[in-house]
Amino acid sequence: MAGCRGASSAPPAALPVGVSLQAIGPPVDFSFSALDGRAVSSEATRGRPTVVTFVTTGSLPSQAQVDFLVAMARNDADRVNYAAIALDSDEQRELVEMYAKALSIPFPVALADDRTRAGASAFGDVSAVPVTVLLDRIGRVVWRVDGRVAKSAEIRAAIRSAR
């Protein structure tokens, strides 16, 4: 599986709700291989806002976050990219596949690599799941929520501001 190529510094923690969006650093450089073979990478997602969520299969908040994103993707997958990155170990690939199937996830789901699980990827520390990140059209982090479920209205407002 392709690894994440790290940026020079990790993005800061979540911005407070209601704060205007500003790019946090340069575009992030990342590459994961989805369970179904689709690319989840900075190159594949450029040109549209992108929501990336980092989850674990054993986390109920992660499942709730994915449920919100699945509903959102049904309405706007033609305008916004979505991806889920599972922080579960490679040995749990089958569990992650069952998780994706059980939740009817229509967007790419990938297993994180060791760098990402260790907090050394372009996304920084993503251990406080769920972690949901919004990238602007050129791939810069413009919004981030760590350790809590970001509801659809909150995510949609961030997407509108990022366009």
N, C-alpha and C. Protein backbone atom coordinates (compact mmCIF):
# COMPACT_ATOMS: atom_id res chain seq x y z
N MET A 1 0.85 -1.18 0.00
CA MET A 1 0.00 0.00 0.00
C MET A 1 0.89 1.23 0.00
N ALA A 2 0.46 2.21 -0.74
CA ALA A 2 1.23 3.46 -0.81
C ALA A 2 1.22 4.15 0.54
N GLY A 3 2.30 4.80 0.89
CA GLY A 3 2.40 5.49 2.17
C GLY A 3 2.08 6.95 2.03
N CYS A 4 1.91 7.57 3.17
CA CYS A 4 1.69 9.02 3.19
C CYS A 4 3.04 9.70 3.18
N ARG A 5 3.15 10.70 2.38
CA ARG A 5 4.38 11.48 2.37
C ARG A 5 4.12 12.70 3.22
N GLY A 6 4.87 12.86 4.27
CA GLY A 6 4.59 13.89 5.27
C GLY A 6 4.96 15.29 4.84
N ALA A 7 4.28 16.24 5.43
CA ALA A 7 4.60 17.65 5.26
C ALA A 7 5.55 18.06 6.37
N SER A 8 6.03 19.28 6.32
CA SER A 8 7.03 19.71 7.28
C SER A 8 6.48 19.89 8.68
N SER A 9 5.20 20.21 8.82
CA SER A 9 4.64 20.37 10.16
C SER A 9 3.19 19.94 10.18
N ALA A 10 2.73 19.50 11.35
CA ALA A 10 1.36 19.05 11.49
C ALA A 10 0.42 20.24 11.60
N PRO A 11 -0.80 20.09 11.07
CA PRO A 11 -1.76 21.17 11.22
C PRO A 11 -2.20 21.29 12.68
N PRO A 12 -2.63 22.47 13.09
CA PRO A 12 -3.08 22.62 14.46
C PRO A 12 -4.40 21.90 14.69
N ALA A 13 -4.81 21.83 15.93
CA ALA A 13 -6.06 21.17 16.30
C ALA A 13 -7.25 21.92 15.71
N ALA A 14 -8.43 21.43 16.00
CA ALA A 14 -9.66 21.96 15.42
C ALA A 14 -9.82 23.45 15.65
N LEU A 15 -10.36 24.10 14.63
CA LEU A 15 -10.72 25.51 14.75
C LEU A 15 -12.06 25.60 15.44
N PRO A 16 -12.29 26.61 16.24
CA PRO A 16 -13.60 26.76 16.87
C PRO A 16 -14.68 26.97 15.81
N VAL A 17 -15.88 26.48 16.08
CA VAL A 17 -17.00 26.66 15.18
C VAL A 17 -17.25 28.15 15.04
N GLY A 18 -17.50 28.60 13.81
CA GLY A 18 -17.79 30.00 13.57
C GLY A 18 -16.57 30.82 13.17
N VAL A 19 -15.38 30.26 13.29
CA VAL A 19 -14.18 30.97 12.88
C VAL A 19 -14.08 30.88 11.37
N SER A 20 -13.77 31.99 10.70
CA SER A 20 -13.66 31.94 9.25
C SER A 20 -12.50 31.02 8.87
N LEU A 21 -12.67 30.35 7.77
CA LEU A 21 -11.68 29.37 7.35
C LEU A 21 -10.48 30.05 6.71
N GLN A 22 -9.33 29.58 7.07
CA GLN A 22 -8.09 30.01 6.45
C GLN A 22 -7.23 28.77 6.26
N ALA A 23 -6.51 28.74 5.17
CA ALA A 23 -5.64 27.60 4.92
C ALA A 23 -4.61 27.49 6.04
N ILE A 24 -4.41 26.27 6.50
CA ILE A 24 -3.43 26.00 7.55
C ILE A 24 -2.23 25.36 6.85
N GLY A 25 -1.32 26.18 6.40
CA GLY A 25 -0.12 25.68 5.77
C GLY A 25 -0.30 25.35 4.30
N PRO A 26 0.73 24.75 3.72
CA PRO A 26 0.70 24.40 2.29
C PRO A 26 -0.19 23.19 2.04
N PRO A 27 -0.46 22.89 0.77
CA PRO A 27 -1.23 21.68 0.48
C PRO A 27 -0.57 20.45 1.09
N VAL A 28 -1.39 19.56 1.63
CA VAL A 28 -0.85 18.33 2.21
C VAL A 28 -0.60 17.32 1.10
N ASP A 29 0.39 16.52 1.29
CA ASP A 29 0.78 15.51 0.32
C ASP A 29 0.51 14.15 0.96
N PHE A 30 -0.42 13.39 0.38
CA PHE A 30 -0.78 12.09 0.97
C PHE A 30 -1.15 11.11 -0.12
N SER A 31 -1.06 9.85 0.21
CA SER A 31 -1.45 8.81 -0.73
C SER A 31 -1.77 7.53 0.05
N PHE A 32 -3.00 7.06 -0.12
CA PHE A 32 -3.43 5.80 0.45
C PHE A 32 -4.06 4.98 -0.68
N SER A 33 -4.09 3.69 -0.52
CA SER A 33 -4.77 2.83 -1.47
C SER A 33 -6.04 2.34 -0.80
N ALA A 34 -7.18 2.66 -1.38
CA ALA A 34 -8.45 2.25 -0.81
C ALA A 34 -8.62 0.74 -0.91
N LEU A 35 -9.48 0.21 -0.07
CA LEU A 35 -9.72 -1.23 -0.05
C LEU A 35 -10.18 -1.74 -1.41
N ASP A 36 -10.87 -0.90 -2.17
CA ASP A 36 -11.37 -1.32 -3.48
C ASP A 36 -10.43 -0.92 -4.62
N GLY A 37 -9.24 -0.41 -4.27
CA GLY A 37 -8.24 -0.07 -5.28
C GLY A 37 -8.27 1.38 -5.75
N ARG A 38 -9.30 2.14 -5.38
CA ARG A 38 -9.34 3.55 -5.77
C ARG A 38 -8.22 4.31 -5.06
N ALA A 39 -7.78 5.37 -5.70
CA ALA A 39 -6.73 6.20 -5.10
C ALA A 39 -7.34 7.19 -4.12
N VAL A 40 -6.72 7.33 -2.99
CA VAL A 40 -7.06 8.36 -2.01
C VAL A 40 -5.76 9.14 -1.84
N SER A 41 -5.63 10.21 -2.62
CA SER A 41 -4.35 10.92 -2.62
C SER A 41 -4.57 12.41 -2.86
N SER A 42 -3.54 13.16 -2.57
CA SER A 42 -3.61 14.59 -2.81
C SER A 42 -3.84 14.86 -4.30
N GLU A 43 -3.23 14.09 -5.14
CA GLU A 43 -3.39 14.27 -6.58
C GLU A 43 -4.81 13.94 -7.04
N ALA A 44 -5.37 12.85 -6.53
CA ALA A 44 -6.70 12.41 -6.96
C ALA A 44 -7.82 13.32 -6.44
N THR A 45 -7.58 14.04 -5.36
CA THR A 45 -8.64 14.85 -4.76
C THR A 45 -8.58 16.33 -5.10
N ARG A 46 -7.49 16.78 -5.73
CA ARG A 46 -7.39 18.21 -6.06
C ARG A 46 -8.48 18.63 -7.02
N GLY A 47 -8.93 19.87 -6.87
CA GLY A 47 -9.94 20.43 -7.75
C GLY A 47 -11.31 20.52 -7.12
N ARG A 48 -11.53 19.79 -6.03
CA ARG A 48 -12.80 19.85 -5.31
C ARG A 48 -12.50 19.84 -3.81
N PRO A 49 -13.38 20.44 -3.01
CA PRO A 49 -13.20 20.31 -1.57
C PRO A 49 -13.21 18.82 -1.21
N THR A 50 -12.43 18.45 -0.22
CA THR A 50 -12.30 17.05 0.17
C THR A 50 -12.44 16.90 1.67
N VAL A 51 -13.32 15.99 2.08
CA VAL A 51 -13.50 15.66 3.48
C VAL A 51 -12.84 14.32 3.72
N VAL A 52 -11.86 14.31 4.62
CA VAL A 52 -11.17 13.08 5.00
C VAL A 52 -11.45 12.85 6.47
N THR A 53 -11.92 11.66 6.81
CA THR A 53 -12.15 11.35 8.21
C THR A 53 -11.30 10.15 8.60
N PHE A 54 -10.68 10.25 9.76
CA PHE A 54 -9.85 9.19 10.32
C PHE A 54 -10.67 8.52 11.41
N VAL A 55 -10.82 7.19 11.31
CA VAL A 55 -11.71 6.45 12.20
C VAL A 55 -11.07 5.15 12.65
N THR A 56 -11.70 4.52 13.63
CA THR A 56 -11.39 3.14 13.98
C THR A 56 -12.70 2.38 14.01
N THR A 57 -12.65 1.10 13.71
CA THR A 57 -13.87 0.29 13.64
C THR A 57 -14.51 0.09 15.01
N GLY A 58 -13.76 0.18 16.08
CA GLY A 58 -14.30 -0.04 17.42
C GLY A 58 -14.82 1.21 18.10
N SER A 59 -14.85 2.32 17.42
CA SER A 59 -15.25 3.60 18.01
C SER A 59 -16.65 3.97 17.56
N LEU A 60 -17.58 4.09 18.52
CA LEU A 60 -18.94 4.51 18.17
C LEU A 60 -18.97 5.93 17.61
N PRO A 61 -18.20 6.88 18.16
CA PRO A 61 -18.17 8.21 17.53
C PRO A 61 -17.68 8.15 16.08
N SER A 62 -16.72 7.28 15.80
CA SER A 62 -16.26 7.12 14.41
C SER A 62 -17.39 6.65 13.52
N GLN A 63 -18.17 5.69 14.01
CA GLN A 63 -19.28 5.19 13.22
C GLN A 63 -20.31 6.29 12.98
N ALA A 64 -20.59 7.09 14.00
CA ALA A 64 -21.53 8.19 13.84
C ALA A 64 -21.01 9.19 12.80
N GLN A 65 -19.71 9.47 12.84
CA GLN A 65 -19.13 10.41 11.87
C GLN A 65 -19.29 9.88 10.46
N VAL A 66 -18.99 8.60 10.28
CA VAL A 66 -19.13 7.98 8.95
C VAL A 66 -20.58 8.04 8.49
N ASP A 67 -21.53 7.79 9.40
CA ASP A 67 -22.95 7.86 9.02
C ASP A 67 -23.31 9.25 8.48
N PHE A 68 -22.84 10.31 9.15
CA PHE A 68 -23.10 11.66 8.66
C PHE A 68 -22.50 11.85 7.26
N LEU A 69 -21.28 11.39 7.07
CA LEU A 69 -20.61 11.59 5.78
C LEU A 69 -21.25 10.77 4.66
N VAL A 70 -21.72 9.57 4.99
CA VAL A 70 -22.41 8.76 3.98
C VAL A 70 -23.65 9.49 3.49
N ALA A 71 -24.43 10.05 4.41
CA ALA A 71 -25.63 10.81 4.01
C ALA A 71 -25.25 12.02 3.18
N MET A 72 -24.19 12.71 3.56
CA MET A 72 -23.75 13.89 2.80
C MET A 72 -23.29 13.49 1.41
N ALA A 73 -22.54 12.41 1.31
CA ALA A 73 -22.01 11.98 0.02
C ALA A 73 -23.12 11.60 -0.95
N ARG A 74 -24.21 11.10 -0.43
CA ARG A 74 -25.33 10.76 -1.31
C ARG A 74 -25.88 11.99 -2.02
N ASN A 75 -25.75 13.15 -1.38
CA ASN A 75 -26.29 14.39 -1.94
C ASN A 75 -25.29 15.19 -2.75
N ASP A 76 -24.01 15.11 -2.42
CA ASP A 76 -23.07 16.01 -3.08
C ASP A 76 -21.73 15.38 -3.48
N ALA A 77 -21.74 14.08 -3.72
CA ALA A 77 -20.49 13.41 -4.12
C ALA A 77 -19.97 13.91 -5.47
N ASP A 78 -20.84 14.56 -6.26
CA ASP A 78 -20.39 15.10 -7.54
C ASP A 78 -19.66 16.44 -7.38
N ARG A 79 -19.73 17.04 -6.17
CA ARG A 79 -19.08 18.32 -5.92
C ARG A 79 -18.01 18.28 -4.84
N VAL A 80 -18.05 17.23 -4.02
CA VAL A 80 -17.14 17.12 -2.87
C VAL A 80 -16.58 15.71 -2.84
N ASN A 81 -15.28 15.60 -2.60
CA ASN A 81 -14.66 14.29 -2.41
C ASN A 81 -14.80 13.89 -0.94
N TYR A 82 -14.99 12.60 -0.70
CA TYR A 82 -15.05 12.06 0.65
C TYR A 82 -14.13 10.85 0.71
N ALA A 83 -13.50 10.63 1.86
CA ALA A 83 -12.68 9.45 2.08
C ALA A 83 -12.63 9.15 3.57
N ALA A 84 -12.57 7.87 3.90
CA ALA A 84 -12.39 7.44 5.28
C ALA A 84 -11.08 6.67 5.36
N ILE A 85 -10.29 6.99 6.36
CA ILE A 85 -9.03 6.31 6.59
C ILE A 85 -9.13 5.59 7.93
N ALA A 86 -9.09 4.27 7.89
CA ALA A 86 -9.19 3.46 9.10
C ALA A 86 -7.82 3.33 9.74
N LEU A 87 -7.75 3.63 11.03
CA LEU A 87 -6.48 3.55 11.75
C LEU A 87 -6.23 2.15 12.30
N ASP A 88 -7.09 1.21 11.96
CA ASP A 88 -6.92 -0.18 12.39
C ASP A 88 -5.66 -0.76 11.74
N SER A 89 -5.11 -1.80 12.35
CA SER A 89 -3.88 -2.41 11.83
C SER A 89 -4.16 -3.16 10.53
N ASP A 90 -3.10 -3.40 9.79
CA ASP A 90 -3.22 -4.13 8.52
C ASP A 90 -3.84 -5.51 8.74
N GLU A 91 -3.58 -6.11 9.89
CA GLU A 91 -4.14 -7.43 10.20
C GLU A 91 -5.65 -7.39 10.34
N GLN A 92 -6.21 -6.20 10.50
CA GLN A 92 -7.66 -6.06 10.66
C GLN A 92 -8.35 -5.62 9.36
N ARG A 93 -7.69 -5.84 8.25
CA ARG A 93 -8.25 -5.44 6.95
C ARG A 93 -9.65 -6.01 6.73
N GLU A 94 -9.84 -7.29 7.03
CA GLU A 94 -11.14 -7.92 6.82
C GLU A 94 -12.22 -7.25 7.68
N LEU A 95 -11.88 -6.88 8.90
CA LEU A 95 -12.81 -6.17 9.77
C LEU A 95 -13.17 -4.81 9.17
N VAL A 96 -12.17 -4.11 8.64
CA VAL A 96 -12.42 -2.81 8.02
C VAL A 96 -13.30 -2.97 6.78
N GLU A 97 -13.08 -4.01 6.01
CA GLU A 97 -13.93 -4.27 4.84
C GLU A 97 -15.37 -4.53 5.26
N MET A 98 -15.57 -5.30 6.35
CA MET A 98 -16.93 -5.56 6.84
C MET A 98 -17.57 -4.28 7.38
N TYR A 99 -16.77 -3.44 8.03
CA TYR A 99 -17.24 -2.15 8.55
C TYR A 99 -17.75 -1.29 7.40
N ALA A 100 -16.96 -1.19 6.34
CA ALA A 100 -17.34 -0.39 5.18
C ALA A 100 -18.62 -0.93 4.53
N LYS A 101 -18.72 -2.23 4.45
CA LYS A 101 -19.92 -2.85 3.86
C LYS A 101 -21.14 -2.64 4.75
N ALA A 102 -20.99 -2.85 6.06
CA ALA A 102 -22.11 -2.71 7.00
C ALA A 102 -22.65 -1.28 7.02
N LEU A 103 -21.77 -0.30 6.87
CA LEU A 103 -22.19 1.10 6.89
C LEU A 103 -22.53 1.63 5.49
N SER A 104 -22.43 0.77 4.48
CA SER A 104 -22.74 1.15 3.08
C SER A 104 -21.99 2.40 2.67
N ILE A 105 -20.69 2.41 2.90
CA ILE A 105 -19.87 3.59 2.61
C ILE A 105 -19.63 3.65 1.10
N PRO A 106 -20.12 4.71 0.43
CA PRO A 106 -19.99 4.81 -1.02
C PRO A 106 -18.66 5.41 -1.48
N PHE A 107 -17.92 5.99 -0.57
CA PHE A 107 -16.66 6.64 -0.92
C PHE A 107 -15.49 5.75 -0.52
N PRO A 108 -14.28 6.07 -1.00
CA PRO A 108 -13.13 5.22 -0.71
C PRO A 108 -12.84 5.09 0.79
N VAL A 109 -12.51 3.87 1.19
CA VAL A 109 -12.08 3.57 2.56
C VAL A 109 -10.70 2.92 2.44
N ALA A 110 -9.74 3.47 3.16
CA ALA A 110 -8.38 2.95 3.10
C ALA A 110 -7.89 2.63 4.51
N LEU A 111 -6.91 1.75 4.59
CA LEU A 111 -6.22 1.50 5.84
C LEU A 111 -5.07 2.49 5.94
N ALA A 112 -4.91 3.07 7.12
CA ALA A 112 -3.79 3.98 7.34
C ALA A 112 -2.49 3.18 7.35
N ASP A 113 -1.41 3.85 7.00
CA ASP A 113 -0.10 3.23 7.09
C ASP A 113 0.48 3.50 8.48
N ASP A 114 1.63 2.91 8.75
CA ASP A 114 2.27 3.06 10.07
C ASP A 114 2.58 4.51 10.40
N ARG A 115 3.01 5.28 9.41
CA ARG A 115 3.33 6.71 9.65
C ARG A 115 2.09 7.47 10.12
N THR A 116 0.98 7.21 9.48
CA THR A 116 -0.26 7.90 9.85
C THR A 116 -0.70 7.49 11.25
N ARG A 117 -0.67 6.18 11.53
CA ARG A 117 -1.05 5.71 12.87
C ARG A 117 -0.14 6.28 13.94
N ALA A 118 1.11 6.56 13.59
CA ALA A 118 2.08 7.12 14.55
C ALA A 118 2.00 8.64 14.65
N GLY A 119 1.14 9.26 13.85
CA GLY A 119 1.01 10.72 13.89
C GLY A 119 2.08 11.45 13.12
N ALA A 120 2.76 10.75 12.22
CA ALA A 120 3.87 11.35 11.48
C ALA A 120 3.53 11.64 10.02
N SER A 121 2.26 11.63 9.67
CA SER A 121 1.88 11.92 8.28
C SER A 121 1.61 13.41 8.11
N ALA A 122 1.22 13.79 6.93
CA ALA A 122 0.90 15.18 6.62
C ALA A 122 -0.26 15.70 7.46
N PHE A 123 -1.08 14.80 8.00
CA PHE A 123 -2.24 15.18 8.80
C PHE A 123 -1.92 15.30 10.29
N GLY A 124 -0.70 14.98 10.68
CA GLY A 124 -0.33 15.08 12.09
C GLY A 124 -1.00 14.00 12.92
N ASP A 125 -1.18 14.30 14.19
CA ASP A 125 -1.77 13.35 15.13
C ASP A 125 -3.26 13.19 14.83
N VAL A 126 -3.66 11.97 14.52
CA VAL A 126 -5.06 11.68 14.23
C VAL A 126 -5.60 10.61 15.18
N SER A 127 -4.99 10.49 16.34
CA SER A 127 -5.36 9.42 17.27
C SER A 127 -6.65 9.67 18.03
N ALA A 128 -7.11 10.92 18.14
CA ALA A 128 -8.33 11.24 18.89
C ALA A 128 -9.53 11.10 17.97
N VAL A 129 -9.87 9.87 17.59
CA VAL A 129 -10.92 9.62 16.61
C VAL A 129 -12.30 9.98 17.13
N PRO A 130 -13.18 10.36 16.22
CA PRO A 130 -12.87 10.61 14.82
C PRO A 130 -12.15 11.95 14.64
N VAL A 131 -11.33 12.01 13.62
CA VAL A 131 -10.69 13.26 13.20
C VAL A 131 -11.21 13.52 11.79
N THR A 132 -11.82 14.68 11.60
CA THR A 132 -12.37 15.02 10.30
C THR A 132 -11.69 16.29 9.81
N VAL A 133 -11.18 16.21 8.58
CA VAL A 133 -10.39 17.29 7.99
C VAL A 133 -11.04 17.71 6.68
N LEU A 134 -11.09 19.01 6.45
CA LEU A 134 -11.56 19.52 5.16
C LEU A 134 -10.38 20.15 4.45
N LEU A 135 -10.17 19.71 3.22
CA LEU A 135 -9.13 20.28 2.35
C LEU A 135 -9.82 21.17 1.32
N ASP A 136 -9.20 22.30 1.01
CA ASP A 136 -9.75 23.15 -0.04
C ASP A 136 -9.42 22.54 -1.40
N ARG A 137 -9.79 23.25 -2.46
CA ARG A 137 -9.62 22.72 -3.82
C ARG A 137 -8.17 22.43 -4.19
N ILE A 138 -7.23 23.11 -3.55
CA ILE A 138 -5.82 22.84 -3.87
C ILE A 138 -5.15 21.94 -2.84
N GLY A 139 -5.91 21.48 -1.86
CA GLY A 139 -5.39 20.48 -0.93
C GLY A 139 -4.85 21.00 0.39
N ARG A 140 -5.18 22.24 0.73
CA ARG A 140 -4.75 22.77 2.03
C ARG A 140 -5.79 22.47 3.09
N VAL A 141 -5.34 22.16 4.30
CA VAL A 141 -6.26 21.96 5.42
C VAL A 141 -6.87 23.32 5.75
N VAL A 142 -8.21 23.40 5.71
CA VAL A 142 -8.88 24.65 6.03
C VAL A 142 -9.81 24.51 7.24
N TRP A 143 -10.01 23.30 7.70
CA TRP A 143 -10.90 23.06 8.83
C TRP A 143 -10.60 21.67 9.37
N ARG A 144 -10.67 21.52 10.69
CA ARG A 144 -10.35 20.24 11.30
C ARG A 144 -11.06 20.12 12.64
N VAL A 145 -11.58 18.93 12.90
CA VAL A 145 -12.20 18.62 14.18
C VAL A 145 -11.59 17.32 14.69
N ASP A 146 -11.09 17.34 15.91
CA ASP A 146 -10.47 16.16 16.53
C ASP A 146 -11.31 15.67 17.70
N GLY A 147 -11.52 14.36 17.76
CA GLY A 147 -12.08 13.73 18.95
C GLY A 147 -13.55 13.94 19.20
N ARG A 148 -14.27 14.43 18.23
CA ARG A 148 -15.72 14.56 18.38
C ARG A 148 -16.36 14.45 17.01
N VAL A 149 -17.64 14.15 17.03
CA VAL A 149 -18.39 14.03 15.78
C VAL A 149 -18.73 15.42 15.27
N ALA A 150 -18.35 15.69 14.04
CA ALA A 150 -18.72 16.94 13.36
C ALA A 150 -20.02 16.64 12.62
N LYS A 151 -21.07 17.36 12.95
CA LYS A 151 -22.37 17.11 12.34
C LYS A 151 -22.44 17.68 10.93
N SER A 152 -23.40 17.17 10.17
CA SER A 152 -23.54 17.53 8.77
C SER A 152 -23.60 19.03 8.54
N ALA A 153 -24.40 19.74 9.33
CA ALA A 153 -24.56 21.19 9.14
C ALA A 153 -23.23 21.91 9.33
N GLU A 154 -22.46 21.47 10.29
CA GLU A 154 -21.15 22.08 10.57
C GLU A 154 -20.19 21.83 9.40
N ILE A 155 -20.20 20.62 8.90
CA ILE A 155 -19.32 20.26 7.78
C ILE A 155 -19.75 21.01 6.52
N ARG A 156 -21.05 21.05 6.25
CA ARG A 156 -21.54 21.76 5.08
C ARG A 156 -21.18 23.25 5.13
N ALA A 157 -21.28 23.86 6.30
CA ALA A 157 -20.90 25.28 6.43
C ALA A 157 -19.42 25.46 6.13
N ALA A 158 -18.59 24.54 6.59
CA ALA A 158 -17.15 24.62 6.31
C ALA A 158 -16.89 24.44 4.82
N ILE A 159 -17.60 23.50 4.19
CA ILE A 159 -17.43 23.28 2.74
C ILE A 159 -17.82 24.53 1.96
N ARG A 160 -18.96 25.14 2.31
CA ARG A 160 -19.39 26.37 1.62
C ARG A 160 -18.33 27.46 1.75
N SER A 161 -17.76 27.58 2.92
CA SER A 161 -16.74 28.62 3.16
C SER A 161 -15.45 28.31 2.42
N ALA A 162 -15.20 27.05 2.14
CA ALA A 162 -13.95 26.66 1.48
C ALA A 162 -14.01 26.78 -0.03
N ARG A 163 -15.17 26.96 -0.59
CA ARG A 163 -15.32 26.99 -2.06
C ARG A 163 -14.84 28.26 -2.65
